[in-house]
Amino acid sequence: MKNTKGEIDKTVTKMQQTNEEFNKSIEILTKKSEITNELNTVKIPAKVDGAGSIEGHIDETDKKEGTQ
């Protein structure tokens, strides 16, 4: 039982150091860019007619394929 507390302290300290390095590694690996509250969206040009209705842009390809 000689030096048991010292050995436990060393083990705990070593584990803490390992965990800190692990957490830093995970942050570096998973962080690709700044976190924002914006969504990646497609913006469709829209125009407002005289009655206040909004009409989105639908190109000729969409009309032929039957999508809107």
PDB file of N, CA and C in Angstrom:
ATOM      1  N   MET A   1       0.835  -1.197   0.000  1.00  0.00           N
ATOM      2  CA  MET A   1       0.000   0.000   0.000  1.00  0.00           C
ATOM      3  C   MET A   1       0.873   1.250   0.000  1.00  0.00           C
ATOM      4  N   LYS A   2       2.146   1.080  -0.258  1.00  0.00           N
ATOM      5  CA  LYS A   2       3.029   2.243  -0.299  1.00  0.00           C
ATOM      6  C   LYS A   2       2.663   3.140  -1.474  1.00  0.00           C
ATOM      7  N   ASN A   3       2.581   4.425  -1.215  1.00  0.00           N
ATOM      8  CA  ASN A   3       2.445   5.433  -2.271  1.00  0.00           C
ATOM      9  C   ASN A   3       1.174   5.248  -3.116  1.00  0.00           C
ATOM     10  N   THR A   4       0.150   4.656  -2.541  1.00  0.00           N
ATOM     11  CA  THR A   4      -1.076   4.411  -3.299  1.00  0.00           C
ATOM     12  C   THR A   4      -1.745   5.711  -3.719  1.00  0.00           C
ATOM     13  N   LYS A   5      -1.834   6.672  -2.802  1.00  0.00           N
ATOM     14  CA  LYS A   5      -2.484   7.937  -3.133  1.00  0.00           C
ATOM     15  C   LYS A   5      -1.736   8.647  -4.254  1.00  0.00           C
ATOM     16  N   GLY A   6      -0.426   8.628  -4.198  1.00  0.00           N
ATOM     17  CA  GLY A   6       0.370   9.258  -5.264  1.00  0.00           C
ATOM     18  C   GLY A   6       0.121   8.621  -6.614  1.00  0.00           C
ATOM     19  N   GLU A   7       0.009   7.299  -6.642  1.00  0.00           N
ATOM     20  CA  GLU A   7      -0.250   6.593  -7.898  1.00  0.00           C
ATOM     21  C   GLU A   7      -1.642   6.928  -8.432  1.00  0.00           C
ATOM     22  N   ILE A   8      -2.625   7.004  -7.520  1.00  0.00           N
ATOM     23  CA  ILE A   8      -3.991   7.355  -7.933  1.00  0.00           C
ATOM     24  C   ILE A   8      -4.006   8.776  -8.483  1.00  0.00           C
ATOM     25  N   ASP A   9      -3.336   9.700  -7.798  1.00  0.00           N
ATOM     26  CA  ASP A   9      -3.281  11.084  -8.272  1.00  0.00           C
ATOM     27  C   ASP A   9      -2.665  11.159  -9.666  1.00  0.00           C
ATOM     28  N   LYS A  10      -1.594  10.398  -9.888  1.00  0.00           N
ATOM     29  CA  LYS A  10      -0.939  10.397 -11.205  1.00  0.00           C
ATOM     30  C   LYS A  10      -1.892   9.875 -12.276  1.00  0.00           C
ATOM     31  N   THR A  11      -2.609   8.809 -11.944  1.00  0.00           N
ATOM     32  CA  THR A  11      -3.542   8.212 -12.905  1.00  0.00           C
ATOM     33  C   THR A  11      -4.658   9.189 -13.249  1.00  0.00           C
ATOM     34  N   VAL A  12      -5.227   9.838 -12.243  1.00  0.00           N
ATOM     35  CA  VAL A  12      -6.311  10.803 -12.467  1.00  0.00           C
ATOM     36  C   VAL A  12      -5.806  11.962 -13.308  1.00  0.00           C
ATOM     37  N   THR A  13      -4.629  12.482 -12.984  1.00  0.00           N
ATOM     38  CA  THR A  13      -4.066  13.594 -13.747  1.00  0.00           C
ATOM     39  C   THR A  13      -3.833  13.178 -15.193  1.00  0.00           C
ATOM     40  N   LYS A  14      -3.312  11.993 -15.394  1.00  0.00           N
ATOM     41  CA  LYS A  14      -3.050  11.497 -16.744  1.00  0.00           C
ATOM     42  C   LYS A  14      -4.355  11.367 -17.528  1.00  0.00           C
ATOM     43  N   MET A  15      -5.413  10.874 -16.875  1.00  0.00           N
ATOM     44  CA  MET A  15      -6.712  10.742 -17.542  1.00  0.00           C
ATOM     45  C   MET A  15      -7.266  12.109 -17.921  1.00  0.00           C
ATOM     46  N   GLN A  16      -7.128  13.097 -17.036  1.00  0.00           N
ATOM     47  CA  GLN A  16      -7.632  14.433 -17.334  1.00  0.00           C
ATOM     48  C   GLN A  16      -6.906  15.011 -18.542  1.00  0.00           C
ATOM     49  N   GLN A  17      -5.595  14.844 -18.592  1.00  0.00           N
ATOM     50  CA  GLN A  17      -4.834  15.356 -19.727  1.00  0.00           C
ATOM     51  C   GLN A  17      -5.273  14.673 -21.019  1.00  0.00           C
ATOM     52  N   THR A  18      -5.475  13.382 -20.962  1.00  0.00           N
ATOM     53  CA  THR A  18      -5.903  12.636 -22.144  1.00  0.00           C
ATOM     54  C   THR A  18      -7.279  13.108 -22.600  1.00  0.00           C
ATOM     55  N   ASN A  19      -8.206  13.299 -21.677  1.00  0.00           N
ATOM     56  CA  ASN A  19      -9.549  13.759 -22.027  1.00  0.00           C
ATOM     57  C   ASN A  19      -9.513  15.141 -22.656  1.00  0.00           C
ATOM     58  N   GLU A  20      -8.709  16.045 -22.124  1.00  0.00           N
ATOM     59  CA  GLU A  20      -8.622  17.395 -22.679  1.00  0.00           C
ATOM     60  C   GLU A  20      -8.116  17.343 -24.113  1.00  0.00           C
ATOM     61  N   GLU A  21      -7.088  16.549 -24.358  1.00  0.00           N
ATOM     62  CA  GLU A  21      -6.554  16.425 -25.715  1.00  0.00           C
ATOM     63  C   GLU A  21      -7.592  15.805 -26.645  1.00  0.00           C
ATOM     64  N   PHE A  22      -8.329  14.833 -26.149  1.00  0.00           N
ATOM     65  CA  PHE A  22      -9.370  14.189 -26.956  1.00  0.00           C
ATOM     66  C   PHE A  22     -10.450  15.200 -27.336  1.00  0.00           C
ATOM     67  N   ASN A  23     -10.917  15.977 -26.360  1.00  0.00           N
ATOM     68  CA  ASN A  23     -11.963  16.962 -26.636  1.00  0.00           C
ATOM     69  C   ASN A  23     -11.488  18.001 -27.641  1.00  0.00           C
ATOM     70  N   LYS A  24     -10.243  18.453 -27.514  1.00  0.00           N
ATOM     71  CA  LYS A  24      -9.708  19.425 -28.470  1.00  0.00           C
ATOM     72  C   LYS A  24      -9.657  18.816 -29.865  1.00  0.00           C
ATOM     73  N   SER A  25      -9.247  17.565 -29.957  1.00  0.00           N
ATOM     74  CA  SER A  25      -9.168  16.900 -31.259  1.00  0.00           C
ATOM     75  C   SER A  25     -10.544  16.803 -31.903  1.00  0.00           C
ATOM     76  N   ILE A  26     -11.547  16.435 -31.121  1.00  0.00           N
ATOM     77  CA  ILE A  26     -12.912  16.325 -31.648  1.00  0.00           C
ATOM     78  C   ILE A  26     -13.389  17.686 -32.147  1.00  0.00           C
ATOM     79  N   GLU A  27     -13.136  18.756 -31.395  1.00  0.00           N
ATOM     80  CA  GLU A  27     -13.548  20.095 -31.823  1.00  0.00           C
ATOM     81  C   GLU A  27     -12.900  20.462 -33.147  1.00  0.00           C
ATOM     82  N   ILE A  28     -11.618  20.187 -33.276  1.00  0.00           N
ATOM     83  CA  ILE A  28     -10.896  20.538 -34.500  1.00  0.00           C
ATOM     84  C   ILE A  28     -11.414  19.723 -35.681  1.00  0.00           C
ATOM     85  N   LEU A  29     -11.668  18.437 -35.466  1.00  0.00           N
ATOM     86  CA  LEU A  29     -12.121  17.570 -36.555  1.00  0.00           C
ATOM     87  C   LEU A  29     -13.537  17.884 -37.016  1.00  0.00           C
ATOM     88  N   THR A  30     -14.403  18.289 -36.100  1.00  0.00           N
ATOM     89  CA  THR A  30     -15.809  18.480 -36.461  1.00  0.00           C
ATOM     90  C   THR A  30     -16.152  19.915 -36.830  1.00  0.00           C
ATOM     91  N   LYS A  31     -15.321  20.871 -36.491  1.00  0.00           N
ATOM     92  CA  LYS A  31     -15.642  22.262 -36.794  1.00  0.00           C
ATOM     93  C   LYS A  31     -15.153  22.592 -38.198  1.00  0.00           C
ATOM     94  N   LYS A  32     -16.079  22.815 -39.102  1.00  0.00           N
ATOM     95  CA  LYS A  32     -15.711  23.117 -40.481  1.00  0.00           C
ATOM     96  C   LYS A  32     -15.816  24.604 -40.774  1.00  0.00           C
ATOM     97  N   SER A  33     -16.733  25.287 -40.123  1.00  0.00           N
ATOM     98  CA  SER A  33     -16.906  26.718 -40.350  1.00  0.00           C
ATOM     99  C   SER A  33     -17.605  27.316 -39.141  1.00  0.00           C
ATOM    100  N   GLU A  34     -17.738  28.617 -39.167  1.00  0.00           N
ATOM    101  CA  GLU A  34     -18.435  29.285 -38.080  1.00  0.00           C
ATOM    102  C   GLU A  34     -19.885  28.812 -38.051  1.00  0.00           C
ATOM    103  N   ILE A  35     -20.414  28.666 -36.869  1.00  0.00           N
ATOM    104  CA  ILE A  35     -21.803  28.253 -36.719  1.00  0.00           C
ATOM    105  C   ILE A  35     -22.683  29.484 -36.919  1.00  0.00           C
ATOM    106  N   THR A  36     -23.676  29.361 -37.775  1.00  0.00           N
ATOM    107  CA  THR A  36     -24.604  30.469 -38.004  1.00  0.00           C
ATOM    108  C   THR A  36     -26.025  29.953 -37.843  1.00  0.00           C
ATOM    109  N   ASN A  37     -26.948  30.880 -37.802  1.00  0.00           N
ATOM    110  CA  ASN A  37     -28.349  30.479 -37.706  1.00  0.00           C
ATOM    111  C   ASN A  37     -29.020  30.525 -39.073  1.00  0.00           C
ATOM    112  N   GLU A  38     -28.217  30.583 -40.141  1.00  0.00           N
ATOM    113  CA  GLU A  38     -28.771  30.637 -41.484  1.00  0.00           C
ATOM    114  C   GLU A  38     -28.892  29.233 -42.064  1.00  0.00           C
ATOM    115  N   LEU A  39     -29.918  29.027 -42.859  1.00  0.00           N
ATOM    116  CA  LEU A  39     -30.103  27.756 -43.544  1.00  0.00           C
ATOM    117  C   LEU A  39     -29.610  27.890 -44.977  1.00  0.00           C
ATOM    118  N   ASN A  40     -29.110  26.808 -45.525  1.00  0.00           N
ATOM    119  CA  ASN A  40     -28.762  26.811 -46.947  1.00  0.00           C
ATOM    120  C   ASN A  40     -30.064  26.686 -47.724  1.00  0.00           C
ATOM    121  N   THR A  41     -30.423  27.727 -48.450  1.00  0.00           N
ATOM    122  CA  THR A  41     -31.682  27.716 -49.190  1.00  0.00           C
ATOM    123  C   THR A  41     -31.443  28.175 -50.617  1.00  0.00           C
ATOM    124  N   VAL A  42     -32.377  27.851 -51.464  1.00  0.00           N
ATOM    125  CA  VAL A  42     -32.347  28.328 -52.839  1.00  0.00           C
ATOM    126  C   VAL A  42     -33.294  29.510 -52.910  1.00  0.00           C
ATOM    127  N   LYS A  43     -32.788  30.626 -53.404  1.00  0.00           N
ATOM    128  CA  LYS A  43     -33.632  31.813 -53.517  1.00  0.00           C
ATOM    129  C   LYS A  43     -34.215  31.875 -54.920  1.00  0.00           C
ATOM    130  N   ILE A  44     -35.518  32.027 -55.002  1.00  0.00           N
ATOM    131  CA  ILE A  44     -36.213  32.117 -56.282  1.00  0.00           C
ATOM    132  C   ILE A  44     -36.635  33.566 -56.477  1.00  0.00           C
ATOM    133  N   PRO A  45     -36.232  34.151 -57.602  1.00  0.00           N
ATOM    134  CA  PRO A  45     -36.657  35.538 -57.840  1.00  0.00           C
ATOM    135  C   PRO A  45     -38.186  35.607 -57.893  1.00  0.00           C
ATOM    136  N   ALA A  46     -38.756  36.599 -57.277  1.00  0.00           N
ATOM    137  CA  ALA A  46     -40.211  36.743 -57.264  1.00  0.00           C
ATOM    138  C   ALA A  46     -40.576  38.168 -57.628  1.00  0.00           C
ATOM    139  N   LYS A  47     -41.729  38.322 -58.222  1.00  0.00           N
ATOM    140  CA  LYS A  47     -42.219  39.665 -58.526  1.00  0.00           C
ATOM    141  C   LYS A  47     -43.638  39.797 -57.981  1.00  0.00           C
ATOM    142  N   VAL A  48     -43.992  41.009 -57.632  1.00  0.00           N
ATOM    143  CA  VAL A  48     -45.321  41.269 -57.082  1.00  0.00           C
ATOM    144  C   VAL A  48     -46.140  41.956 -58.162  1.00  0.00           C
ATOM    145  N   ASP A  49     -47.320  41.403 -58.435  1.00  0.00           N
ATOM    146  CA  ASP A  49     -48.173  42.046 -59.436  1.00  0.00           C
ATOM    147  C   ASP A  49     -48.977  43.178 -58.799  1.00  0.00           C
ATOM    148  N   GLY A  50     -49.783  43.843 -59.576  1.00  0.00           N
ATOM    149  CA  GLY A  50     -50.539  44.994 -59.096  1.00  0.00           C
ATOM    150  C   GLY A  50     -51.487  44.668 -57.957  1.00  0.00           C
ATOM    151  N   ALA A  51     -51.952  43.433 -57.858  1.00  0.00           N
ATOM    152  CA  ALA A  51     -52.899  43.049 -56.819  1.00  0.00           C
ATOM    153  C   ALA A  51     -52.195  42.629 -55.533  1.00  0.00           C
ATOM    154  N   GLY A  52     -50.861  42.663 -55.539  1.00  0.00           N
ATOM    155  CA  GLY A  52     -50.118  42.284 -54.341  1.00  0.00           C
ATOM    156  C   GLY A  52     -49.784  40.807 -54.267  1.00  0.00           C
ATOM    157  N   SER A  53     -50.132  40.048 -55.326  1.00  0.00           N
ATOM    158  CA  SER A  53     -49.791  38.622 -55.346  1.00  0.00           C
ATOM    159  C   SER A  53     -48.317  38.461 -55.698  1.00  0.00           C
ATOM    160  N   ILE A  54     -47.703  37.469 -55.104  1.00  0.00           N
ATOM    161  CA  ILE A  54     -46.301  37.195 -55.408  1.00  0.00           C
ATOM    162  C   ILE A  54     -46.248  36.035 -56.388  1.00  0.00           C
ATOM    163  N   GLU A  55     -45.514  36.236 -57.469  1.00  0.00           N
ATOM    164  CA  GLU A  55     -45.396  35.206 -58.493  1.00  0.00           C
ATOM    165  C   GLU A  55     -43.935  34.779 -58.557  1.00  0.00           C
ATOM    166  N   GLY A  56     -43.665  33.506 -58.317  1.00  0.00           N
ATOM    167  CA  GLY A  56     -42.294  33.002 -58.387  1.00  0.00           C
ATOM    168  C   GLY A  56     -41.886  32.748 -59.820  1.00  0.00           C
ATOM    169  N   HIS A  57     -40.593  32.681 -60.047  1.00  0.00           N
ATOM    170  CA  HIS A  57     -40.078  32.423 -61.384  1.00  0.00           C
ATOM    171  C   HIS A  57     -40.106  30.922 -61.657  1.00  0.00           C
ATOM    172  N   ILE A  58     -40.769  30.534 -62.736  1.00  0.00           N
ATOM    173  CA  ILE A  58     -40.768  29.137 -63.172  1.00  0.00           C
ATOM    174  C   ILE A  58     -40.253  29.145 -64.605  1.00  0.00           C
ATOM    175  N   ASP A  59     -39.150  28.451 -64.847  1.00  0.00           N
ATOM    176  CA  ASP A  59     -38.607  28.484 -66.206  1.00  0.00           C
ATOM    177  C   ASP A  59     -39.326  27.474 -67.109  1.00  0.00           C
ATOM    178  N   GLU A  60     -39.024  27.534 -68.398  1.00  0.00           N
ATOM    179  CA  GLU A  60     -39.709  26.695 -69.380  1.00  0.00           C
ATOM    180  C   GLU A  60     -39.483  25.205 -69.126  1.00  0.00           C
ATOM    181  N   THR A  61     -38.321  24.828 -68.615  1.00  0.00           N
ATOM    182  CA  THR A  61     -38.039  23.418 -68.326  1.00  0.00           C
ATOM    183  C   THR A  61     -39.018  22.893 -67.291  1.00  0.00           C
ATOM    184  N   ASP A  62     -39.281  23.690 -66.255  1.00  0.00           N
ATOM    185  CA  ASP A  62     -40.223  23.270 -65.215  1.00  0.00           C
ATOM    186  C   ASP A  62     -41.616  23.044 -65.793  1.00  0.00           C
ATOM    187  N   LYS A  63     -42.045  23.943 -66.684  1.00  0.00           N
ATOM    188  CA  LYS A  63     -43.383  23.813 -67.264  1.00  0.00           C
ATOM    189  C   LYS A  63     -43.499  22.535 -68.082  1.00  0.00           C
ATOM    190  N   LYS A  64     -42.448  22.202 -68.839  1.00  0.00           N
ATOM    191  CA  LYS A  64     -42.473  21.003 -69.678  1.00  0.00           C
ATOM    192  C   LYS A  64     -42.525  19.739 -68.831  1.00  0.00           C
ATOM    193  N   GLU A  65     -41.818  19.752 -67.688  1.00  0.00           N
ATOM    194  CA  GLU A  65     -41.770  18.566 -66.840  1.00  0.00           C
ATOM    195  C   GLU A  65     -42.974  18.466 -65.912  1.00  0.00           C
ATOM    196  N   GLY A  66     -43.804  19.508 -65.907  1.00  0.00           N
ATOM    197  CA  GLY A  66     -44.995  19.475 -65.074  1.00  0.00           C
ATOM    198  C   GLY A  66     -44.739  19.813 -63.620  1.00  0.00           C
ATOM    199  N   THR A  67     -43.596  20.423 -63.316  1.00  0.00           N
ATOM    200  CA  THR A  67     -43.316  20.814 -61.930  1.00  0.00           C
ATOM    201  C   THR A  67     -43.550  22.296 -61.773  1.00  0.00           C
ATOM    202  N   GLN A  68     -43.890  22.682 -60.568  1.00  0.00           N
ATOM    203  CA  GLN A  68     -44.093  24.110 -60.297  1.00  0.00           C
ATOM    204  C   GLN A  68     -43.528  24.465 -58.962  1.00  0.00           C
TER     205      GLN A  68
END
